C-alpha atoms as a PDB file:
ATOM      1  CA  MET A   1      96.030  22.713 129.638  1.00  0.00           C
ATOM      2  CA  ASN A   2      94.597  20.612 132.408  1.00  0.00           C
ATOM      3  CA  SER A   3      95.212  22.257 135.816  1.00  0.00           C
ATOM      4  CA  LEU A   4      95.703  18.748 137.572  1.00  0.00           C
ATOM      5  CA  LEU A   5      99.109  18.569 135.699  1.00  0.00           C
ATOM      6  CA  TYR A   6     100.338  21.493 137.620  1.00  0.00           C
ATOM      7  CA  CYS A   7     101.560  21.715 141.169  1.00  0.00           C
ATOM      8  CA  SER A   8      99.935  23.674 143.967  1.00  0.00           C
ATOM      9  CA  TYR A   9     102.202  26.902 144.313  1.00  0.00           C
ATOM     10  CA  TYR A  10     103.088  28.494 147.634  1.00  0.00           C
ATOM     11  CA  GLN A  11     105.179  31.409 148.591  1.00  0.00           C
ATOM     12  CA  GLY A  12     106.733  32.255 152.095  1.00  0.00           C
ATOM     13  CA  GLN A  13     109.521  33.560 153.743  1.00  0.00           C
ATOM     14  CA  VAL A  14     111.836  31.282 155.780  1.00  0.00           C
ATOM     15  CA  GLN A  15     114.066  32.442 158.484  1.00  0.00           C
ATOM     16  CA  ARG A  16     117.365  33.130 157.004  1.00  0.00           C
ATOM     17  CA  GLU A  17     119.577  31.498 159.598  1.00  0.00           C
ATOM     18  CA  LEU A  18     117.792  28.357 159.516  1.00  0.00           C
ATOM     19  CA  CYS A  19     116.753  28.186 155.779  1.00  0.00           C
ATOM     20  CA  TRP A  20     119.152  25.267 155.363  1.00  0.00           C
ATOM     21  CA  TYR A  21     117.272  23.230 157.831  1.00  0.00           C
ATOM     22  CA  VAL A  22     113.734  23.935 156.319  1.00  0.00           C
ATOM     23  CA  THR A  23     114.971  22.899 152.768  1.00  0.00           C
ATOM     24  CA  ALA A  24     117.010  19.995 154.137  1.00  0.00           C
ATOM     25  CA  THR A  25     113.954  18.570 155.868  1.00  0.00           C
ATOM     26  CA  LEU A  26     111.644  19.041 153.133  1.00  0.00           C
ATOM     27  CA  ARG A  27     114.099  17.398 150.701  1.00  0.00           C
ATOM     28  CA  SER A  28     114.256  14.467 152.922  1.00  0.00           C
ATOM     29  CA  TYR A  29     110.965  13.558 152.202  1.00  0.00           C
ATOM     30  CA  GLU A  30     110.484  11.944 148.650  1.00  0.00           C
ATOM     31  CA  HIS A  31     108.619  14.161 146.303  1.00  0.00           C
ATOM     32  CA  ILE A  32     106.880  16.473 148.915  1.00  0.00           C
ATOM     33  CA  SER A  33     107.834  19.742 147.297  1.00  0.00           C
ATOM     34  CA  PHE A  34     110.405  21.579 145.168  1.00  0.00           C
ATOM     35  CA  ASP A  35     111.573  24.867 146.922  1.00  0.00           C
ATOM     36  CA  ARG A  36     113.586  27.524 145.262  1.00  0.00           C
ATOM     37  CA  THR A  37     114.765  30.885 146.580  1.00  0.00           C
ATOM     38  CA  LEU A  38     112.950  33.873 144.895  1.00  0.00           C
ATOM     39  CA  ASP A  39     114.400  36.712 146.746  1.00  0.00           C
ATOM     40  CA  PRO A  40     117.548  36.144 148.666  1.00  0.00           C
ATOM     41  CA  THR A  41     117.685  39.435 150.553  1.00  0.00           C
ATOM     42  CA  THR A  42     114.100  38.824 151.979  1.00  0.00           C
ATOM     43  CA  SER A  43     114.498  35.073 152.142  1.00  0.00           C
ATOM     44  CA  LEU A  44     111.318  34.694 150.080  1.00  0.00           C
ATOM     45  CA  PHE A  45     111.015  31.075 148.716  1.00  0.00           C
ATOM     46  CA  GLU A  46     108.658  29.238 146.343  1.00  0.00           C
ATOM     47  CA  PHE A  47     107.338  25.899 146.760  1.00  0.00           C
ATOM     48  CA  PHE A  48     105.886  23.656 144.118  1.00  0.00           C
ATOM     49  CA  VAL A  49     103.665  21.062 145.808  1.00  0.00           C
ATOM     50  CA  PRO A  50     102.084  18.027 143.991  1.00  0.00           C
ATOM     51  CA  VAL A  51      98.530  17.649 144.989  1.00  0.00           C
ATOM     52  CA  SER A  52      99.248  14.243 146.338  1.00  0.00           C
ATOM     53  CA  THR A  53     101.627  15.712 149.152  1.00  0.00           C
ATOM     54  CA  GLU A  54      99.848  19.022 149.871  1.00  0.00           C
ATOM     55  CA  SER A  55      98.261  17.616 153.160  1.00  0.00           C
ATOM     56  CA  LEU A  56     101.843  16.627 154.440  1.00  0.00           C
ATOM     57  CA  PHE A  57     103.194  19.838 153.179  1.00  0.00           C
ATOM     58  CA  LEU A  58     100.719  21.841 154.968  1.00  0.00           C
ATOM     59  CA  THR A  59     101.439  19.974 158.086  1.00  0.00           C
ATOM     60  CA  LEU A  60     105.064  20.511 157.979  1.00  0.00           C
ATOM     61  CA  MET A  61     104.443  24.172 157.058  1.00  0.00           C
ATOM     62  CA  ASP A  62     102.126  24.544 160.187  1.00  0.00           C
ATOM     63  CA  TYR A  63     104.708  23.130 162.449  1.00  0.00           C
ATOM     64  CA  TYR A  64     107.594  25.418 160.897  1.00  0.00           C
ATOM     65  CA  GLN A  65     105.302  28.403 161.091  1.00  0.00           C
ATOM     66  CA  ALA A  66     104.544  27.592 165.037  1.00  0.00           C
ATOM     67  CA  GLU A  67     108.469  27.310 165.419  1.00  0.00           C
ATOM     68  CA  GLY A  68     108.977  30.555 163.785  1.00  0.00           C
ATOM     69  CA  LEU A  69     110.930  29.156 160.806  1.00  0.00           C
ATOM     70  CA  VAL A  70     108.449  30.075 158.272  1.00  0.00           C
ATOM     71  CA  TYR A  71     106.150  33.095 157.986  1.00  0.00           C
ATOM     72  CA  ASN A  72     103.937  34.710 155.523  1.00  0.00           C
ATOM     73  CA  LEU A  73     103.033  31.407 153.699  1.00  0.00           C
ATOM     74  CA  GLN A  74     100.453  31.799 150.918  1.00  0.00           C
ATOM     75  CA  LYS A  75      99.065  29.573 148.390  1.00  0.00           C
ATOM     76  CA  MET A  76      99.116  31.495 145.080  1.00  0.00           C
ATOM     77  CA  PRO A  77      98.100  30.808 141.357  1.00  0.00           C
ATOM     78  CA  ASN A  78     100.991  28.746 140.001  1.00  0.00           C
ATOM     79  CA  ARG A  79     103.293  31.167 138.109  1.00  0.00           C
ATOM     80  CA  LEU A  80     104.253  28.574 135.594  1.00  0.00           C
ATOM     81  CA  GLN A  81     100.610  27.719 134.622  1.00  0.00           C
ATOM     82  CA  ASP A  82      99.626  31.345 134.424  1.00  0.00           C
ATOM     83  CA  SER A  83     102.525  32.182 132.083  1.00  0.00           C
ATOM     84  CA  THR A  84     101.706  29.284 129.689  1.00  0.00           C
ATOM     85  CA  GLN A  85      98.165  30.738 129.178  1.00  0.00           C
ATOM     86  CA  GLN A  86      99.542  34.110 128.131  1.00  0.00           C
ATOM     87  CA  VAL A  87     101.412  32.661 125.233  1.00  0.00           C
END
């Protein structure tokens, strides 16, 4: 499968008390990313980011990290793409 059809994939932790703020601002931008909580106990989120909006996403993440809202942000292999290759 063509890897250009898949979003970039990030995981990071979001400050629990303000996760609503981070997700609301990300969702206020049209198609910047899709976010989902992976582990509520550690506030671990995953972000699926279209290649066309990755630059804007990273600018926002830099701001959130500077403000202490997001930490341990890492770009990782897209787990959905990897799962389809194992079939």
